[in-house]
Amino acid sequence: NMEAYGIQEAEVFAMVPPAIPGLGATGGLQLQLEDRNNLGATEMQRAVETLMENYRNYPALASVSSQYQANVPQYFLNIDRDKVQLMGIQLNSVFTTLGYYMGEAYVNDYVQFGRIYQVKLGAGDRAQRIIDDVLKLGVPNASGEMVPFSSFTQIDEQLGMDQINRYNMYSTASVTCNAAPGSSSGEAIKQAENLMNSTMNGLPLPTRKRRQEPPLP
């Protein structure tokens, strides 16, 4: 993992395979940091980074990693809803047009070579390369005239999460811990609990523990 940190173009983690093939993607322990106080992604990112920095003080833990990211560059389409209504445009038409442009629209099915195929419409890759092209999209108003998105939409750059995960209905960050060679799972669990307690004491995130064990045969 230390060698992988030097790769700037990607995030690389060395994972331990699951003890039983097919049960999970990796082995080790999985922690869930829950944002129960609605502090936001920035505090969650701070907590994850602190965990990943402090685990080296616990010899039973070989590595601590997480794919949680709260500072991914994003574009936010700021749509002026009041202006949309004043222009006689259905707000639903605005979001439907965006959905077709950024995603795809189902048309129908057809049968060929004994199989059923779906027909879907969507913008090509070239049409989605430049974010400003969104402002060139048009949507009809009450008179049937096409109104460009630039009349009521502003593009803002911001940072945010690359994906939103939830656990027990709370926004969460998943953290994976791998036990060090020669350390039992019990030792790793105990030190992971100590790591969580020592780290969370300095952060405004409440903690609680829950352990799942497979039933005995």
N, C-alpha and C. Protein backbone atom coordinates (compact mmCIF):
# COMPACT_ATOMS: atom_id res chain seq x y z
N ASN A 1 0.82 -1.21 0.00
CA ASN A 1 0.00 0.00 0.00
C ASN A 1 0.86 1.26 0.00
N MET A 2 1.98 1.23 0.70
CA MET A 2 2.84 2.41 0.74
C MET A 2 3.37 2.72 -0.66
N GLU A 3 3.74 1.70 -1.43
CA GLU A 3 4.20 1.93 -2.79
C GLU A 3 3.08 2.46 -3.68
N ALA A 4 1.86 2.02 -3.42
CA ALA A 4 0.73 2.46 -4.23
C ALA A 4 0.39 3.92 -3.99
N TYR A 5 0.74 4.45 -2.81
CA TYR A 5 0.44 5.85 -2.53
C TYR A 5 1.18 6.79 -3.47
N GLY A 6 2.28 6.33 -4.04
CA GLY A 6 3.06 7.17 -4.94
C GLY A 6 2.45 7.32 -6.32
N ILE A 7 1.43 6.56 -6.63
CA ILE A 7 0.76 6.65 -7.93
C ILE A 7 -0.28 7.77 -7.86
N GLN A 8 -0.04 8.85 -8.59
CA GLN A 8 -0.91 10.01 -8.52
C GLN A 8 -2.14 9.88 -9.41
N GLU A 9 -2.06 9.03 -10.44
CA GLU A 9 -3.16 8.94 -11.41
C GLU A 9 -4.32 8.07 -10.93
N ALA A 10 -4.13 7.32 -9.86
CA ALA A 10 -5.18 6.40 -9.42
C ALA A 10 -5.03 6.11 -7.94
N GLU A 11 -6.08 5.53 -7.35
CA GLU A 11 -6.04 5.06 -5.97
C GLU A 11 -5.93 3.55 -5.99
N VAL A 12 -4.86 3.01 -5.42
CA VAL A 12 -4.59 1.58 -5.47
C VAL A 12 -4.50 1.05 -4.04
N PHE A 13 -5.22 -0.04 -3.75
CA PHE A 13 -5.18 -0.67 -2.45
C PHE A 13 -4.92 -2.16 -2.63
N ALA A 14 -4.10 -2.72 -1.75
CA ALA A 14 -3.89 -4.16 -1.73
C ALA A 14 -4.86 -4.77 -0.72
N MET A 15 -5.73 -5.64 -1.19
CA MET A 15 -6.77 -6.21 -0.35
C MET A 15 -6.52 -7.69 -0.10
N VAL A 16 -6.91 -8.14 1.08
CA VAL A 16 -6.85 -9.56 1.41
C VAL A 16 -8.09 -10.23 0.84
N PRO A 17 -7.96 -11.35 0.12
CA PRO A 17 -9.15 -12.02 -0.43
C PRO A 17 -10.02 -12.58 0.68
N PRO A 18 -11.31 -12.79 0.43
CA PRO A 18 -12.20 -13.33 1.47
C PRO A 18 -11.79 -14.73 1.87
N ALA A 19 -12.07 -15.07 3.14
CA ALA A 19 -11.70 -16.40 3.63
C ALA A 19 -12.45 -17.49 2.88
N ILE A 20 -13.70 -17.23 2.51
CA ILE A 20 -14.50 -18.17 1.74
C ILE A 20 -14.76 -17.54 0.37
N PRO A 21 -14.22 -18.11 -0.71
CA PRO A 21 -14.42 -17.52 -2.04
C PRO A 21 -15.90 -17.37 -2.37
N GLY A 22 -16.24 -16.19 -2.87
CA GLY A 22 -17.63 -15.91 -3.23
C GLY A 22 -18.40 -15.16 -2.18
N LEU A 23 -17.90 -15.13 -0.94
CA LEU A 23 -18.57 -14.38 0.14
C LEU A 23 -17.86 -13.05 0.32
N GLY A 24 -18.33 -12.03 -0.39
CA GLY A 24 -17.72 -10.72 -0.30
C GLY A 24 -16.60 -10.56 -1.31
N ALA A 25 -16.19 -9.30 -1.47
CA ALA A 25 -15.11 -8.99 -2.42
C ALA A 25 -13.74 -9.05 -1.77
N THR A 26 -13.68 -8.77 -0.47
CA THR A 26 -12.41 -8.77 0.24
C THR A 26 -12.60 -9.40 1.62
N GLY A 27 -11.49 -9.72 2.24
CA GLY A 27 -11.54 -10.19 3.61
C GLY A 27 -11.37 -9.03 4.57
N GLY A 28 -11.14 -9.34 5.84
CA GLY A 28 -10.91 -8.30 6.82
C GLY A 28 -12.18 -7.82 7.50
N LEU A 29 -12.07 -6.66 8.15
CA LEU A 29 -13.17 -6.07 8.90
C LEU A 29 -13.73 -4.89 8.13
N GLN A 30 -15.00 -4.66 8.27
CA GLN A 30 -15.63 -3.52 7.62
C GLN A 30 -16.29 -2.64 8.68
N LEU A 31 -15.91 -1.37 8.69
CA LEU A 31 -16.48 -0.39 9.60
C LEU A 31 -17.39 0.55 8.82
N GLN A 32 -18.44 1.01 9.47
CA GLN A 32 -19.35 1.97 8.86
C GLN A 32 -19.39 3.22 9.73
N LEU A 33 -18.94 4.34 9.17
CA LEU A 33 -19.03 5.63 9.86
C LEU A 33 -20.35 6.28 9.45
N GLU A 34 -21.24 6.47 10.41
CA GLU A 34 -22.56 7.02 10.12
C GLU A 34 -22.63 8.49 10.52
N ASP A 35 -23.13 9.30 9.61
CA ASP A 35 -23.30 10.73 9.88
C ASP A 35 -24.64 10.94 10.57
N ARG A 36 -24.71 10.61 11.86
CA ARG A 36 -25.97 10.69 12.60
C ARG A 36 -26.34 12.13 12.97
N ASN A 37 -25.38 13.04 12.98
CA ASN A 37 -25.67 14.43 13.33
C ASN A 37 -25.76 15.33 12.10
N ASN A 38 -25.76 14.72 10.90
CA ASN A 38 -25.88 15.47 9.66
C ASN A 38 -24.82 16.56 9.56
N LEU A 39 -23.57 16.17 9.81
CA LEU A 39 -22.46 17.13 9.78
C LEU A 39 -21.96 17.39 8.36
N GLY A 40 -22.27 16.50 7.44
CA GLY A 40 -21.87 16.72 6.06
C GLY A 40 -20.67 15.90 5.65
N ALA A 41 -20.41 15.92 4.35
CA ALA A 41 -19.37 15.09 3.76
C ALA A 41 -17.97 15.51 4.19
N THR A 42 -17.76 16.79 4.46
CA THR A 42 -16.42 17.26 4.82
C THR A 42 -15.96 16.65 6.14
N GLU A 43 -16.84 16.62 7.15
CA GLU A 43 -16.47 16.02 8.43
C GLU A 43 -16.27 14.51 8.30
N MET A 44 -17.07 13.87 7.46
CA MET A 44 -16.89 12.45 7.24
C MET A 44 -15.54 12.17 6.59
N GLN A 45 -15.16 12.98 5.63
CA GLN A 45 -13.86 12.83 4.98
C GLN A 45 -12.74 13.02 5.99
N ARG A 46 -12.90 13.99 6.86
CA ARG A 46 -11.89 14.23 7.90
C ARG A 46 -11.75 13.03 8.82
N ALA A 47 -12.87 12.42 9.20
CA ALA A 47 -12.82 11.25 10.07
C ALA A 47 -12.15 10.07 9.38
N VAL A 48 -12.47 9.85 8.12
CA VAL A 48 -11.86 8.74 7.37
C VAL A 48 -10.35 8.94 7.25
N GLU A 49 -9.93 10.15 6.93
CA GLU A 49 -8.50 10.42 6.79
C GLU A 49 -7.77 10.24 8.12
N THR A 50 -8.42 10.64 9.22
CA THR A 50 -7.79 10.47 10.53
C THR A 50 -7.63 9.00 10.88
N LEU A 51 -8.63 8.19 10.56
CA LEU A 51 -8.52 6.74 10.79
C LEU A 51 -7.37 6.15 9.99
N MET A 52 -7.24 6.55 8.76
CA MET A 52 -6.20 5.99 7.90
C MET A 52 -4.81 6.46 8.31
N GLU A 53 -4.73 7.58 9.00
CA GLU A 53 -3.43 8.06 9.49
C GLU A 53 -3.03 7.40 10.80
N ASN A 54 -4.00 7.08 11.65
CA ASN A 54 -3.69 6.61 13.01
C ASN A 54 -3.58 5.10 13.14
N TYR A 55 -3.98 4.34 12.13
CA TYR A 55 -4.01 2.88 12.31
C TYR A 55 -2.62 2.29 12.49
N ARG A 56 -1.58 2.99 12.05
CA ARG A 56 -0.22 2.46 12.17
C ARG A 56 0.22 2.29 13.61
N ASN A 57 -0.50 2.91 14.54
CA ASN A 57 -0.18 2.74 15.96
C ASN A 57 -0.75 1.45 16.53
N TYR A 58 -1.43 0.66 15.70
CA TYR A 58 -2.06 -0.57 16.16
C TYR A 58 -1.49 -1.74 15.36
N PRO A 59 -0.58 -2.51 15.95
CA PRO A 59 0.16 -3.54 15.20
C PRO A 59 -0.71 -4.67 14.65
N ALA A 60 -1.90 -4.89 15.20
CA ALA A 60 -2.75 -5.96 14.70
C ALA A 60 -3.46 -5.59 13.40
N LEU A 61 -3.35 -4.33 12.99
CA LEU A 61 -3.99 -3.86 11.76
C LEU A 61 -2.93 -3.65 10.70
N ALA A 62 -3.03 -4.40 9.61
CA ALA A 62 -2.06 -4.28 8.53
C ALA A 62 -2.35 -3.08 7.64
N SER A 63 -3.62 -2.78 7.44
CA SER A 63 -3.99 -1.65 6.58
C SER A 63 -5.41 -1.22 6.89
N VAL A 64 -5.67 0.04 6.62
CA VAL A 64 -7.01 0.62 6.72
C VAL A 64 -7.24 1.45 5.46
N SER A 65 -8.29 1.16 4.74
CA SER A 65 -8.53 1.85 3.48
C SER A 65 -10.01 2.17 3.33
N SER A 66 -10.29 3.14 2.49
CA SER A 66 -11.67 3.53 2.21
C SER A 66 -11.72 4.19 0.83
N GLN A 67 -12.81 3.98 0.13
CA GLN A 67 -13.02 4.62 -1.16
C GLN A 67 -13.90 5.86 -1.04
N TYR A 68 -14.16 6.28 0.18
CA TYR A 68 -15.00 7.46 0.39
C TYR A 68 -14.25 8.71 -0.07
N GLN A 69 -14.90 9.53 -0.88
CA GLN A 69 -14.33 10.78 -1.35
C GLN A 69 -15.39 11.87 -1.31
N ALA A 70 -15.06 12.96 -0.65
CA ALA A 70 -16.01 14.06 -0.54
C ALA A 70 -15.57 15.29 -1.30
N ASN A 71 -14.47 15.21 -2.04
CA ASN A 71 -13.93 16.38 -2.73
C ASN A 71 -13.71 16.09 -4.21
N VAL A 72 -14.66 15.40 -4.82
CA VAL A 72 -14.58 15.09 -6.25
C VAL A 72 -15.11 16.28 -7.05
N PRO A 73 -14.37 16.80 -8.03
CA PRO A 73 -14.87 17.92 -8.85
C PRO A 73 -16.16 17.55 -9.57
N GLN A 74 -17.14 18.43 -9.47
CA GLN A 74 -18.45 18.18 -10.07
C GLN A 74 -18.99 19.46 -10.69
N TYR A 75 -19.97 19.27 -11.56
CA TYR A 75 -20.72 20.40 -12.12
C TYR A 75 -22.14 20.38 -11.55
N PHE A 76 -22.61 21.55 -11.16
CA PHE A 76 -23.96 21.69 -10.63
C PHE A 76 -24.76 22.59 -11.57
N LEU A 77 -25.87 22.08 -12.08
CA LEU A 77 -26.74 22.87 -12.95
C LEU A 77 -27.74 23.62 -12.08
N ASN A 78 -27.54 24.92 -11.96
CA ASN A 78 -28.41 25.76 -11.15
C ASN A 78 -29.55 26.27 -12.03
N ILE A 79 -30.69 25.62 -11.92
CA ILE A 79 -31.85 25.95 -12.75
C ILE A 79 -32.75 26.92 -11.99
N ASP A 80 -33.01 28.08 -12.59
CA ASP A 80 -33.88 29.09 -11.99
C ASP A 80 -35.33 28.67 -12.23
N ARG A 81 -35.94 28.07 -11.24
CA ARG A 81 -37.30 27.56 -11.40
C ARG A 81 -38.33 28.67 -11.61
N ASP A 82 -38.12 29.81 -10.95
CA ASP A 82 -39.05 30.92 -11.15
C ASP A 82 -39.02 31.41 -12.59
N LYS A 83 -37.82 31.50 -13.15
CA LYS A 83 -37.70 31.96 -14.53
C LYS A 83 -38.31 30.94 -15.50
N VAL A 84 -38.17 29.65 -15.17
CA VAL A 84 -38.76 28.61 -16.01
C VAL A 84 -40.28 28.78 -16.07
N GLN A 85 -40.91 29.05 -14.94
CA GLN A 85 -42.36 29.22 -14.92
C GLN A 85 -42.78 30.49 -15.65
N LEU A 86 -42.01 31.57 -15.50
CA LEU A 86 -42.34 32.83 -16.18
C LEU A 86 -42.25 32.68 -17.69
N MET A 87 -41.39 31.79 -18.16
CA MET A 87 -41.24 31.57 -19.60
C MET A 87 -42.28 30.60 -20.15
N GLY A 88 -43.16 30.11 -19.29
CA GLY A 88 -44.19 29.19 -19.75
C GLY A 88 -43.67 27.80 -20.07
N ILE A 89 -42.65 27.37 -19.35
CA ILE A 89 -42.03 26.06 -19.59
C ILE A 89 -42.41 25.12 -18.45
N GLN A 90 -42.75 23.89 -18.80
CA GLN A 90 -43.02 22.88 -17.79
C GLN A 90 -41.70 22.42 -17.18
N LEU A 91 -41.61 22.49 -15.85
CA LEU A 91 -40.37 22.09 -15.19
C LEU A 91 -40.05 20.63 -15.46
N ASN A 92 -41.09 19.81 -15.57
CA ASN A 92 -40.87 18.40 -15.85
C ASN A 92 -40.20 18.20 -17.22
N SER A 93 -40.52 19.08 -18.18
CA SER A 93 -39.90 18.99 -19.51
C SER A 93 -38.41 19.29 -19.44
N VAL A 94 -38.02 20.18 -18.53
CA VAL A 94 -36.61 20.52 -18.37
C VAL A 94 -35.82 19.30 -17.89
N PHE A 95 -36.33 18.64 -16.86
CA PHE A 95 -35.61 17.49 -16.31
C PHE A 95 -35.69 16.28 -17.24
N THR A 96 -36.79 16.16 -17.98
CA THR A 96 -36.89 15.07 -18.95
C THR A 96 -35.86 15.24 -20.06
N THR A 97 -35.69 16.47 -20.54
CA THR A 97 -34.69 16.74 -21.57
C THR A 97 -33.29 16.44 -21.07
N LEU A 98 -33.00 16.83 -19.84
CA LEU A 98 -31.69 16.53 -19.25
C LEU A 98 -31.48 15.03 -19.13
N GLY A 99 -32.53 14.32 -18.73
CA GLY A 99 -32.42 12.87 -18.59
C GLY A 99 -32.12 12.19 -19.91
N TYR A 100 -32.76 12.65 -20.99
CA TYR A 100 -32.50 12.07 -22.30
C TYR A 100 -31.08 12.39 -22.76
N TYR A 101 -30.62 13.60 -22.47
CA TYR A 101 -29.29 14.02 -22.93
C TYR A 101 -28.18 13.33 -22.14
N MET A 102 -28.32 13.26 -20.83
CA MET A 102 -27.28 12.66 -19.99
C MET A 102 -27.41 11.15 -19.90
N GLY A 103 -28.62 10.63 -20.13
CA GLY A 103 -28.83 9.19 -20.01
C GLY A 103 -29.38 8.62 -21.30
N GLU A 104 -30.55 8.02 -21.22
CA GLU A 104 -31.16 7.41 -22.40
C GLU A 104 -32.66 7.30 -22.19
N ALA A 105 -33.39 7.11 -23.29
CA ALA A 105 -34.85 6.98 -23.25
C ALA A 105 -35.25 5.69 -23.94
N TYR A 106 -36.11 4.93 -23.30
CA TYR A 106 -36.61 3.68 -23.88
C TYR A 106 -37.67 3.99 -24.94
N VAL A 107 -37.57 3.35 -26.11
CA VAL A 107 -38.52 3.57 -27.20
C VAL A 107 -39.46 2.38 -27.34
N ASN A 108 -38.91 1.23 -27.70
CA ASN A 108 -39.74 0.02 -27.85
C ASN A 108 -38.82 -1.19 -27.96
N ASP A 109 -39.42 -2.32 -28.28
CA ASP A 109 -38.67 -3.57 -28.48
C ASP A 109 -38.88 -4.05 -29.91
N TYR A 110 -37.94 -4.84 -30.39
CA TYR A 110 -38.12 -5.50 -31.68
C TYR A 110 -37.47 -6.87 -31.62
N VAL A 111 -37.96 -7.76 -32.47
CA VAL A 111 -37.49 -9.14 -32.49
C VAL A 111 -36.66 -9.37 -33.75
N GLN A 112 -35.48 -9.94 -33.54
CA GLN A 112 -34.62 -10.28 -34.67
C GLN A 112 -33.73 -11.45 -34.27
N PHE A 113 -33.58 -12.39 -35.20
CA PHE A 113 -32.78 -13.59 -34.97
C PHE A 113 -33.28 -14.37 -33.75
N GLY A 114 -34.59 -14.31 -33.53
CA GLY A 114 -35.18 -15.06 -32.43
C GLY A 114 -34.95 -14.47 -31.06
N ARG A 115 -34.47 -13.22 -31.00
CA ARG A 115 -34.23 -12.57 -29.71
C ARG A 115 -34.91 -11.22 -29.68
N ILE A 116 -35.17 -10.74 -28.46
CA ILE A 116 -35.82 -9.44 -28.26
C ILE A 116 -34.75 -8.40 -27.93
N TYR A 117 -34.77 -7.30 -28.65
CA TYR A 117 -33.82 -6.21 -28.44
C TYR A 117 -34.59 -4.94 -28.08
N GLN A 118 -33.99 -4.11 -27.25
CA GLN A 118 -34.59 -2.84 -26.85
C GLN A 118 -34.02 -1.71 -27.70
N VAL A 119 -34.88 -0.76 -28.02
CA VAL A 119 -34.48 0.44 -28.74
C VAL A 119 -34.44 1.59 -27.74
N LYS A 120 -33.28 2.23 -27.62
CA LYS A 120 -33.11 3.34 -26.69
C LYS A 120 -32.44 4.50 -27.41
N LEU A 121 -32.85 5.70 -27.05
CA LEU A 121 -32.29 6.91 -27.62
C LEU A 121 -31.48 7.64 -26.56
N GLY A 122 -30.34 8.18 -26.98
CA GLY A 122 -29.50 8.93 -26.06
C GLY A 122 -28.45 9.70 -26.83
N ALA A 123 -27.90 10.71 -26.20
CA ALA A 123 -26.85 11.50 -26.84
C ALA A 123 -25.56 10.69 -26.93
N GLY A 124 -24.81 10.91 -27.99
CA GLY A 124 -23.54 10.21 -28.16
C GLY A 124 -22.45 10.78 -27.27
N ASP A 125 -21.31 10.11 -27.26
CA ASP A 125 -20.20 10.54 -26.40
C ASP A 125 -19.73 11.95 -26.76
N ARG A 126 -19.69 12.26 -28.04
CA ARG A 126 -19.19 13.57 -28.45
C ARG A 126 -20.08 14.70 -27.94
N ALA A 127 -21.36 14.43 -27.80
CA ALA A 127 -22.29 15.46 -27.34
C ALA A 127 -22.17 15.74 -25.85
N GLN A 128 -21.44 14.89 -25.12
CA GLN A 128 -21.33 15.04 -23.67
C GLN A 128 -19.92 15.39 -23.22
N ARG A 129 -19.05 15.74 -24.14
CA ARG A 129 -17.66 16.02 -23.77
C ARG A 129 -17.49 17.41 -23.17
N ILE A 130 -18.29 18.37 -23.59
CA ILE A 130 -18.16 19.76 -23.14
C ILE A 130 -19.40 20.13 -22.34
N ILE A 131 -19.20 20.53 -21.10
CA ILE A 131 -20.33 20.80 -20.22
C ILE A 131 -21.17 21.98 -20.72
N ASP A 132 -20.54 22.95 -21.39
CA ASP A 132 -21.28 24.11 -21.87
C ASP A 132 -22.30 23.76 -22.95
N ASP A 133 -22.16 22.58 -23.56
CA ASP A 133 -23.14 22.17 -24.57
C ASP A 133 -24.52 21.96 -23.97
N VAL A 134 -24.58 21.76 -22.66
CA VAL A 134 -25.89 21.62 -22.00
C VAL A 134 -26.71 22.88 -22.19
N LEU A 135 -26.04 24.04 -22.18
CA LEU A 135 -26.75 25.30 -22.31
C LEU A 135 -27.36 25.48 -23.69
N LYS A 136 -26.94 24.67 -24.66
CA LYS A 136 -27.48 24.76 -26.02
C LYS A 136 -28.74 23.92 -26.21
N LEU A 137 -29.06 23.10 -25.23
CA LEU A 137 -30.27 22.29 -25.32
C LEU A 137 -31.50 23.19 -25.33
N GLY A 138 -32.55 22.72 -25.98
CA GLY A 138 -33.78 23.49 -26.04
C GLY A 138 -34.95 22.73 -25.46
N VAL A 139 -35.90 23.48 -24.93
CA VAL A 139 -37.11 22.89 -24.35
C VAL A 139 -38.29 23.76 -24.78
N PRO A 140 -39.42 23.17 -25.17
CA PRO A 140 -40.54 23.98 -25.67
C PRO A 140 -41.29 24.69 -24.55
N ASN A 141 -41.75 25.90 -24.86
CA ASN A 141 -42.61 26.62 -23.92
C ASN A 141 -44.07 26.37 -24.27
N ALA A 142 -44.97 27.12 -23.65
CA ALA A 142 -46.40 26.90 -23.86
C ALA A 142 -46.82 27.18 -25.30
N SER A 143 -46.07 28.02 -26.01
CA SER A 143 -46.39 28.35 -27.40
C SER A 143 -45.73 27.42 -28.40
N GLY A 144 -44.96 26.47 -27.91
CA GLY A 144 -44.28 25.54 -28.80
C GLY A 144 -42.93 26.03 -29.27
N GLU A 145 -42.48 27.19 -28.82
CA GLU A 145 -41.17 27.72 -29.21
C GLU A 145 -40.08 27.08 -28.36
N MET A 146 -38.94 26.81 -28.99
CA MET A 146 -37.82 26.20 -28.29
C MET A 146 -37.02 27.26 -27.55
N VAL A 147 -36.84 27.07 -26.26
CA VAL A 147 -36.10 28.00 -25.41
C VAL A 147 -34.80 27.33 -24.98
N PRO A 148 -33.65 27.97 -25.20
CA PRO A 148 -32.38 27.34 -24.81
C PRO A 148 -32.20 27.30 -23.30
N PHE A 149 -31.48 26.31 -22.84
CA PHE A 149 -31.21 26.17 -21.41
C PHE A 149 -30.44 27.37 -20.86
N SER A 150 -29.66 28.02 -21.72
CA SER A 150 -28.87 29.17 -21.27
C SER A 150 -29.74 30.30 -20.76
N SER A 151 -31.04 30.28 -21.08
CA SER A 151 -31.94 31.35 -20.64
C SER A 151 -32.30 31.23 -19.16
N PHE A 152 -32.17 30.04 -18.60
CA PHE A 152 -32.58 29.85 -17.20
C PHE A 152 -31.64 28.95 -16.40
N THR A 153 -30.49 28.59 -16.95
CA THR A 153 -29.57 27.66 -16.29
C THR A 153 -28.18 28.25 -16.18
N GLN A 154 -27.55 28.04 -15.03
CA GLN A 154 -26.17 28.46 -14.80
C GLN A 154 -25.37 27.25 -14.34
N ILE A 155 -24.17 27.09 -14.88
CA ILE A 155 -23.31 25.96 -14.53
C ILE A 155 -22.31 26.40 -13.47
N ASP A 156 -22.32 25.74 -12.32
CA ASP A 156 -21.39 26.04 -11.23
C ASP A 156 -20.47 24.86 -10.99
N GLU A 157 -19.22 25.15 -10.68
CA GLU A 157 -18.25 24.12 -10.32
C GLU A 157 -18.21 23.97 -8.81
N GLN A 158 -18.20 22.74 -8.33
CA GLN A 158 -18.17 22.50 -6.90
C GLN A 158 -17.52 21.15 -6.62
N LEU A 159 -17.29 20.89 -5.34
CA LEU A 159 -16.75 19.61 -4.90
C LEU A 159 -17.83 18.84 -4.17
N GLY A 160 -17.86 17.54 -4.36
CA GLY A 160 -18.86 16.72 -3.70
C GLY A 160 -18.47 15.26 -3.70
N MET A 161 -19.38 14.42 -3.22
CA MET A 161 -19.13 12.98 -3.14
C MET A 161 -19.30 12.34 -4.51
N ASP A 162 -18.45 11.34 -4.79
CA ASP A 162 -18.59 10.63 -6.06
C ASP A 162 -19.74 9.64 -6.02
N GLN A 163 -20.13 9.19 -4.83
CA GLN A 163 -21.29 8.33 -4.67
C GLN A 163 -21.83 8.50 -3.25
N ILE A 164 -23.13 8.28 -3.10
CA ILE A 164 -23.80 8.43 -1.81
C ILE A 164 -24.20 7.06 -1.30
N ASN A 165 -23.65 6.67 -0.16
CA ASN A 165 -23.97 5.38 0.45
C ASN A 165 -24.72 5.60 1.76
N ARG A 166 -25.61 4.66 2.07
CA ARG A 166 -26.37 4.74 3.32
C ARG A 166 -26.31 3.40 4.04
N TYR A 167 -26.32 3.49 5.37
CA TYR A 167 -26.31 2.31 6.22
C TYR A 167 -27.19 2.63 7.42
N ASN A 168 -28.19 1.81 7.67
CA ASN A 168 -29.17 2.10 8.73
C ASN A 168 -29.83 3.46 8.52
N MET A 169 -30.05 3.81 7.25
CA MET A 169 -30.74 5.05 6.85
C MET A 169 -29.89 6.30 7.04
N TYR A 170 -28.62 6.16 7.40
CA TYR A 170 -27.74 7.31 7.57
C TYR A 170 -26.71 7.35 6.46
N SER A 171 -26.29 8.55 6.09
CA SER A 171 -25.17 8.69 5.17
C SER A 171 -23.93 8.10 5.82
N THR A 172 -23.19 7.29 5.09
CA THR A 172 -22.11 6.52 5.71
C THR A 172 -20.87 6.47 4.84
N ALA A 173 -19.75 6.21 5.48
CA ALA A 173 -18.48 5.96 4.81
C ALA A 173 -18.00 4.58 5.23
N SER A 174 -17.73 3.74 4.26
CA SER A 174 -17.29 2.37 4.54
C SER A 174 -15.76 2.34 4.63
N VAL A 175 -15.25 1.71 5.69
CA VAL A 175 -13.81 1.60 5.93
C VAL A 175 -13.46 0.12 6.09
N THR A 176 -12.44 -0.34 5.39
CA THR A 176 -12.01 -1.73 5.45
C THR A 176 -10.70 -1.84 6.20
N CYS A 177 -10.63 -2.75 7.18
CA CYS A 177 -9.41 -3.00 7.96
C CYS A 177 -8.95 -4.43 7.70
N ASN A 178 -7.67 -4.61 7.48
CA ASN A 178 -7.09 -5.94 7.28
C ASN A 178 -6.19 -6.28 8.46
N ALA A 179 -6.34 -7.49 8.97
CA ALA A 179 -5.52 -7.93 10.10
C ALA A 179 -4.09 -8.18 9.63
N ALA A 180 -3.14 -7.87 10.50
CA ALA A 180 -1.73 -8.09 10.19
C ALA A 180 -1.41 -9.58 10.24
N PRO A 181 -0.43 -10.03 9.46
CA PRO A 181 -0.02 -11.45 9.53
C PRO A 181 0.37 -11.84 10.95
N GLY A 182 -0.14 -12.96 11.42
CA GLY A 182 0.14 -13.42 12.77
C GLY A 182 -0.83 -12.92 13.81
N SER A 183 -1.74 -12.03 13.43
CA SER A 183 -2.74 -11.51 14.36
C SER A 183 -4.08 -12.17 14.08
N SER A 184 -4.80 -12.50 15.15
CA SER A 184 -6.10 -13.13 15.00
C SER A 184 -7.15 -12.08 14.66
N SER A 185 -8.30 -12.56 14.20
CA SER A 185 -9.40 -11.64 13.91
C SER A 185 -9.89 -10.95 15.18
N GLY A 186 -9.85 -11.68 16.30
CA GLY A 186 -10.26 -11.07 17.57
C GLY A 186 -9.36 -9.92 17.96
N GLU A 187 -8.04 -10.09 17.78
CA GLU A 187 -7.11 -8.99 18.09
C GLU A 187 -7.35 -7.81 17.16
N ALA A 188 -7.59 -8.10 15.88
CA ALA A 188 -7.83 -7.01 14.93
C ALA A 188 -9.11 -6.26 15.27
N ILE A 189 -10.16 -6.99 15.66
CA ILE A 189 -11.42 -6.35 16.04
C ILE A 189 -11.22 -5.46 17.26
N LYS A 190 -10.49 -5.96 18.25
CA LYS A 190 -10.26 -5.18 19.47
C LYS A 190 -9.49 -3.91 19.17
N GLN A 191 -8.44 -4.02 18.36
CA GLN A 191 -7.65 -2.83 18.06
C GLN A 191 -8.41 -1.89 17.12
N ALA A 192 -9.27 -2.43 16.26
CA ALA A 192 -10.09 -1.56 15.43
C ALA A 192 -11.06 -0.76 16.29
N GLU A 193 -11.60 -1.39 17.33
CA GLU A 193 -12.47 -0.67 18.26
C GLU A 193 -11.70 0.42 18.99
N ASN A 194 -10.48 0.10 19.42
CA ASN A 194 -9.66 1.11 20.10
C ASN A 194 -9.31 2.26 19.16
N LEU A 195 -9.03 1.91 17.90
CA LEU A 195 -8.75 2.95 16.91
C LEU A 195 -9.95 3.86 16.72
N MET A 196 -11.13 3.28 16.62
CA MET A 196 -12.33 4.08 16.45
C MET A 196 -12.57 4.98 17.65
N ASN A 197 -12.42 4.42 18.86
CA ASN A 197 -12.68 5.21 20.07
C ASN A 197 -11.71 6.37 20.20
N SER A 198 -10.43 6.11 19.94
CA SER A 198 -9.43 7.18 20.08
C SER A 198 -9.58 8.24 19.00
N THR A 199 -9.99 7.83 17.82
CA THR A 199 -10.14 8.78 16.72
C THR A 199 -11.40 9.61 16.86
N MET A 200 -12.50 8.98 17.20
CA MET A 200 -13.77 9.69 17.26
C MET A 200 -13.87 10.63 18.45
N ASN A 201 -13.01 10.44 19.46
CA ASN A 201 -13.06 11.34 20.62
C ASN A 201 -12.77 12.78 20.23
N GLY A 202 -11.97 12.97 19.19
CA GLY A 202 -11.63 14.32 18.76
C GLY A 202 -12.51 14.84 17.65
N LEU A 203 -13.52 14.08 17.26
CA LEU A 203 -14.39 14.49 16.17
C LEU A 203 -15.84 14.48 16.64
N PRO A 204 -16.69 15.34 16.06
CA PRO A 204 -18.09 15.41 16.49
C PRO A 204 -18.95 14.33 15.87
N LEU A 205 -18.47 13.10 15.87
CA LEU A 205 -19.24 11.98 15.31
C LEU A 205 -19.48 10.96 16.41
N PRO A 206 -20.73 10.70 16.80
CA PRO A 206 -21.00 9.68 17.81
C PRO A 206 -20.72 8.29 17.25
N THR A 207 -20.40 7.36 18.13
CA THR A 207 -20.08 6.00 17.69
C THR A 207 -20.90 4.99 18.49
N ARG A 208 -21.08 3.83 17.88
CA ARG A 208 -21.64 2.69 18.58
C ARG A 208 -21.12 1.44 17.87
N LYS A 209 -21.13 0.31 18.55
CA LYS A 209 -20.56 -0.91 18.01
C LYS A 209 -21.65 -1.96 17.84
N ARG A 210 -21.51 -2.73 16.77
CA ARG A 210 -22.39 -3.88 16.56
C ARG A 210 -21.58 -4.94 15.81
N ARG A 211 -21.58 -6.13 16.32
CA ARG A 211 -20.78 -7.21 15.73
C ARG A 211 -21.71 -8.31 15.25
N GLN A 212 -21.42 -8.81 14.06
CA GLN A 212 -22.18 -9.92 13.50
C GLN A 212 -21.29 -11.15 13.45
N GLU A 213 -21.78 -12.24 14.00
CA GLU A 213 -21.04 -13.50 13.97
C GLU A 213 -21.91 -14.55 13.29
N PRO A 214 -21.31 -15.43 12.49
CA PRO A 214 -22.11 -16.50 11.87
C PRO A 214 -22.64 -17.45 12.92
N PRO A 215 -23.86 -17.98 12.75
CA PRO A 215 -24.41 -18.91 13.75
C PRO A 215 -23.63 -20.21 13.78
N LEU A 216 -23.53 -20.80 14.95
CA LEU A 216 -22.84 -22.07 15.09
C LEU A 216 -23.66 -23.19 14.47
N PRO A 217 -23.01 -24.18 13.84
CA PRO A 217 -23.77 -25.28 13.24
C PRO A 217 -24.45 -26.13 14.31
